[in-house]
């Protein structure tokens, strides 16, 4: 696989393409980290909690998301991050909460880098 240049040699002036490559590298690093963290969370959720099955009666009956459905509240291996966080909060699962906080902090990092790239540096929204 070819290596991307992260630095331009001193004898060449920086071009717009060089800046775009640098920005792409700076953005993809936290995005790939976020992907790994979310995949690890769902692998753990499936392996240790639901084991490919549906989980019923997990204490989410008072969560607004489930109030508007006619069927039993349940969680699956594909349940959303908000539902996983609610379940971890209710059951006070510290390990799962730590992993969910890691997802949240990495998401904030990606969002901040996107904002910096789109609004501050490239002025896409002026």
C-alpha atoms as a PDB file:
ATOM      1  CA  UNK A   1       0.000   0.000   0.000  1.00  0.00           C
ATOM      2  CA  UNK A   2       1.473   3.393  -0.906  1.00  0.00           C
ATOM      3  CA  UNK A   3       2.377   5.689   1.950  1.00  0.00           C
ATOM      4  CA  UNK A   4       0.680   9.094   2.135  1.00  0.00           C
ATOM      5  CA  UNK A   5       2.919  12.068   2.682  1.00  0.00           C
ATOM      6  CA  UNK A   6       1.968  13.832   5.873  1.00  0.00           C
ATOM      7  CA  UNK A   7       4.590  16.516   5.465  1.00  0.00           C
ATOM      8  CA  UNK A   8       5.617  18.454   2.406  1.00  0.00           C
ATOM      9  CA  UNK A   9       9.367  18.786   1.877  1.00  0.00           C
ATOM     10  CA  UNK A  10      10.725  22.237   2.773  1.00  0.00           C
ATOM     11  CA  UNK A  11      11.760  23.055  -0.786  1.00  0.00           C
ATOM     12  CA  UNK A  12       8.212  22.818  -2.158  1.00  0.00           C
ATOM     13  CA  UNK A  13       5.549  25.426  -1.450  1.00  0.00           C
ATOM     14  CA  UNK A  14       2.319  24.136   0.112  1.00  0.00           C
ATOM     15  CA  UNK A  15      -0.514  23.813  -2.356  1.00  0.00           C
ATOM     16  CA  UNK A  16      -4.227  23.513  -1.735  1.00  0.00           C
ATOM     17  CA  UNK A  17      -3.972  19.770  -2.535  1.00  0.00           C
ATOM     18  CA  UNK A  18      -1.282  19.369   0.155  1.00  0.00           C
ATOM     19  CA  UNK A  19      -3.522  21.035   2.698  1.00  0.00           C
ATOM     20  CA  UNK A  20      -6.447  18.806   1.704  1.00  0.00           C
ATOM     21  CA  UNK A  21      -4.316  15.658   2.129  1.00  0.00           C
ATOM     22  CA  UNK A  22      -3.158  16.853   5.557  1.00  0.00           C
ATOM     23  CA  UNK A  23      -6.733  17.629   6.599  1.00  0.00           C
ATOM     24  CA  UNK A  24      -7.915  14.247   5.315  1.00  0.00           C
ATOM     25  CA  UNK A  25      -5.279  12.435   7.374  1.00  0.00           C
ATOM     26  CA  UNK A  26      -6.094  14.474  10.483  1.00  0.00           C
ATOM     27  CA  UNK A  27      -9.803  13.710  10.070  1.00  0.00           C
ATOM     28  CA  UNK A  28      -9.583  10.011   9.222  1.00  0.00           C
ATOM     29  CA  UNK A  29      -7.527   9.106  12.288  1.00  0.00           C
ATOM     30  CA  UNK A  30     -10.282   9.875  14.836  1.00  0.00           C
ATOM     31  CA  UNK A  31     -12.981   8.548  12.482  1.00  0.00           C
ATOM     32  CA  UNK A  32     -11.216   5.191  12.248  1.00  0.00           C
ATOM     33  CA  UNK A  33     -10.711   5.220  16.014  1.00  0.00           C
ATOM     34  CA  UNK A  34     -14.430   5.853  16.493  1.00  0.00           C
ATOM     35  CA  UNK A  35     -15.281   2.963  14.184  1.00  0.00           C
ATOM     36  CA  UNK A  36     -13.052   0.601  16.179  1.00  0.00           C
ATOM     37  CA  UNK A  37     -14.498   1.740  19.504  1.00  0.00           C
ATOM     38  CA  UNK A  38     -18.117   1.333  18.339  1.00  0.00           C
ATOM     39  CA  UNK A  39     -17.386  -2.088  16.807  1.00  0.00           C
ATOM     40  CA  UNK A  40     -15.703  -3.216  20.051  1.00  0.00           C
ATOM     41  CA  UNK A  41     -18.693  -1.996  22.067  1.00  0.00           C
ATOM     42  CA  UNK A  42     -21.178  -3.920  19.920  1.00  0.00           C
ATOM     43  CA  UNK A  43     -18.988  -7.048  19.906  1.00  0.00           C
ATOM     44  CA  UNK A  44     -18.927  -6.933  23.705  1.00  0.00           C
ATOM     45  CA  UNK A  45     -22.666  -6.186  23.890  1.00  0.00           C
ATOM     46  CA  UNK A  46     -23.452  -9.181  21.692  1.00  0.00           C
ATOM     47  CA  UNK A  47     -20.963 -11.512  23.390  1.00  0.00           C
ATOM     48  CA  UNK A  48     -21.613 -10.686  27.053  1.00  0.00           C
ATOM     49  CA  UNK A  49     -25.179  -9.416  27.162  1.00  0.00           C
ATOM     50  CA  UNK A  50     -27.556 -10.524  24.455  1.00  0.00           C
ATOM     51  CA  UNK A  51     -25.579 -13.365  22.810  1.00  0.00           C
ATOM     52  CA  UNK A  52     -27.503 -12.912  19.574  1.00  0.00           C
ATOM     53  CA  UNK A  53     -30.863 -13.110  21.371  1.00  0.00           C
ATOM     54  CA  UNK A  54     -33.478 -10.497  22.194  1.00  0.00           C
ATOM     55  CA  UNK A  55     -33.457  -9.233  25.773  1.00  0.00           C
ATOM     56  CA  UNK A  56     -36.888  -8.661  27.285  1.00  0.00           C
ATOM     57  CA  UNK A  57     -37.840  -7.013  30.580  1.00  0.00           C
ATOM     58  CA  UNK A  58     -34.593  -5.077  30.944  1.00  0.00           C
ATOM     59  CA  UNK A  59     -36.134  -2.189  32.868  1.00  0.00           C
ATOM     60  CA  UNK A  60     -36.633   0.214  29.986  1.00  0.00           C
ATOM     61  CA  UNK A  61     -40.429   0.330  30.250  1.00  0.00           C
ATOM     62  CA  UNK A  62     -40.370   3.958  31.495  1.00  0.00           C
ATOM     63  CA  UNK A  63     -38.032   5.177  28.756  1.00  0.00           C
ATOM     64  CA  UNK A  64     -39.948   7.464  26.352  1.00  0.00           C
ATOM     65  CA  UNK A  65     -38.664   5.563  23.339  1.00  0.00           C
ATOM     66  CA  UNK A  66     -40.594   2.449  24.373  1.00  0.00           C
ATOM     67  CA  UNK A  67     -43.795   4.132  25.622  1.00  0.00           C
ATOM     68  CA  UNK A  68     -45.258   4.519  22.142  1.00  0.00           C
ATOM     69  CA  UNK A  69     -45.012   0.907  20.989  1.00  0.00           C
ATOM     70  CA  UNK A  70     -47.576  -1.844  21.447  1.00  0.00           C
ATOM     71  CA  UNK A  71     -45.043  -4.604  21.949  1.00  0.00           C
ATOM     72  CA  UNK A  72     -42.768  -5.508  24.841  1.00  0.00           C
ATOM     73  CA  UNK A  73     -39.700  -3.368  25.229  1.00  0.00           C
ATOM     74  CA  UNK A  74     -36.626  -5.275  24.215  1.00  0.00           C
ATOM     75  CA  UNK A  75     -32.992  -4.910  23.302  1.00  0.00           C
ATOM     76  CA  UNK A  76     -31.175  -6.753  20.534  1.00  0.00           C
ATOM     77  CA  UNK A  77     -27.606  -7.025  19.334  1.00  0.00           C
ATOM     78  CA  UNK A  78     -28.443  -4.090  17.023  1.00  0.00           C
ATOM     79  CA  UNK A  79     -30.068  -1.762  19.564  1.00  0.00           C
ATOM     80  CA  UNK A  80     -29.004   1.854  19.433  1.00  0.00           C
ATOM     81  CA  UNK A  81     -26.378   3.531  21.560  1.00  0.00           C
ATOM     82  CA  UNK A  82     -29.034   5.482  23.479  1.00  0.00           C
ATOM     83  CA  UNK A  83     -30.830   2.279  24.444  1.00  0.00           C
ATOM     84  CA  UNK A  84     -27.544   0.663  25.483  1.00  0.00           C
ATOM     85  CA  UNK A  85     -26.701   3.683  27.629  1.00  0.00           C
ATOM     86  CA  UNK A  86     -30.139   3.634  29.285  1.00  0.00           C
ATOM     87  CA  UNK A  87     -29.755  -0.067  30.045  1.00  0.00           C
ATOM     88  CA  UNK A  88     -26.253   0.479  31.464  1.00  0.00           C
ATOM     89  CA  UNK A  89     -27.549   3.382  33.596  1.00  0.00           C
ATOM     90  CA  UNK A  90     -30.454   1.355  34.980  1.00  0.00           C
ATOM     91  CA  UNK A  91     -28.298  -1.668  35.798  1.00  0.00           C
ATOM     92  CA  UNK A  92     -25.325   0.465  36.915  1.00  0.00           C
ATOM     93  CA  UNK A  93     -22.944  -1.411  34.631  1.00  0.00           C
ATOM     94  CA  UNK A  94     -19.719   0.539  35.124  1.00  0.00           C
ATOM     95  CA  UNK A  95     -17.729  -1.291  32.435  1.00  0.00           C
ATOM     96  CA  UNK A  96     -20.374  -0.676  29.787  1.00  0.00           C
ATOM     97  CA  UNK A  97     -20.731   2.960  30.872  1.00  0.00           C
ATOM     98  CA  UNK A  98     -16.962   3.467  30.503  1.00  0.00           C
ATOM     99  CA  UNK A  99     -17.072   2.055  26.982  1.00  0.00           C
ATOM    100  CA  UNK A 100     -20.065   4.235  26.097  1.00  0.00           C
ATOM    101  CA  UNK A 101     -18.267   7.316  27.438  1.00  0.00           C
ATOM    102  CA  UNK A 102     -15.299   6.455  25.235  1.00  0.00           C
ATOM    103  CA  UNK A 103     -17.667   6.398  22.243  1.00  0.00           C
ATOM    104  CA  UNK A 104     -19.097   9.774  23.293  1.00  0.00           C
ATOM    105  CA  UNK A 105     -15.711  11.450  23.773  1.00  0.00           C
ATOM    106  CA  UNK A 106     -14.362  10.126  20.465  1.00  0.00           C
ATOM    107  CA  UNK A 107     -17.552  11.287  18.743  1.00  0.00           C
ATOM    108  CA  UNK A 108     -16.996  14.772  20.178  1.00  0.00           C
ATOM    109  CA  UNK A 109     -13.431  14.721  18.840  1.00  0.00           C
ATOM    110  CA  UNK A 110     -14.625  13.768  15.343  1.00  0.00           C
ATOM    111  CA  UNK A 111     -17.356  16.418  15.446  1.00  0.00           C
ATOM    112  CA  UNK A 112     -14.850  19.083  16.536  1.00  0.00           C
ATOM    113  CA  UNK A 113     -12.420  18.150  13.765  1.00  0.00           C
ATOM    114  CA  UNK A 114     -15.198  18.246  11.171  1.00  0.00           C
ATOM    115  CA  UNK A 115     -16.307  21.648  12.427  1.00  0.00           C
ATOM    116  CA  UNK A 116     -12.749  22.953  12.293  1.00  0.00           C
ATOM    117  CA  UNK A 117     -12.241  21.590   8.789  1.00  0.00           C
ATOM    118  CA  UNK A 118     -15.562  22.722   7.309  1.00  0.00           C
ATOM    119  CA  UNK A 119     -16.194  26.001   9.099  1.00  0.00           C
ATOM    120  CA  UNK A 120     -12.891  27.370  10.291  1.00  0.00           C
ATOM    121  CA  UNK A 121     -10.362  26.278   7.663  1.00  0.00           C
ATOM    122  CA  UNK A 122     -12.222  25.815   4.396  1.00  0.00           C
ATOM    123  CA  UNK A 123     -14.992  28.354   5.110  1.00  0.00           C
ATOM    124  CA  UNK A 124     -17.647  26.187   3.444  1.00  0.00           C
ATOM    125  CA  UNK A 125     -20.502  27.932   5.234  1.00  0.00           C
ATOM    126  CA  UNK A 126     -19.703  31.595   4.773  1.00  0.00           C
END
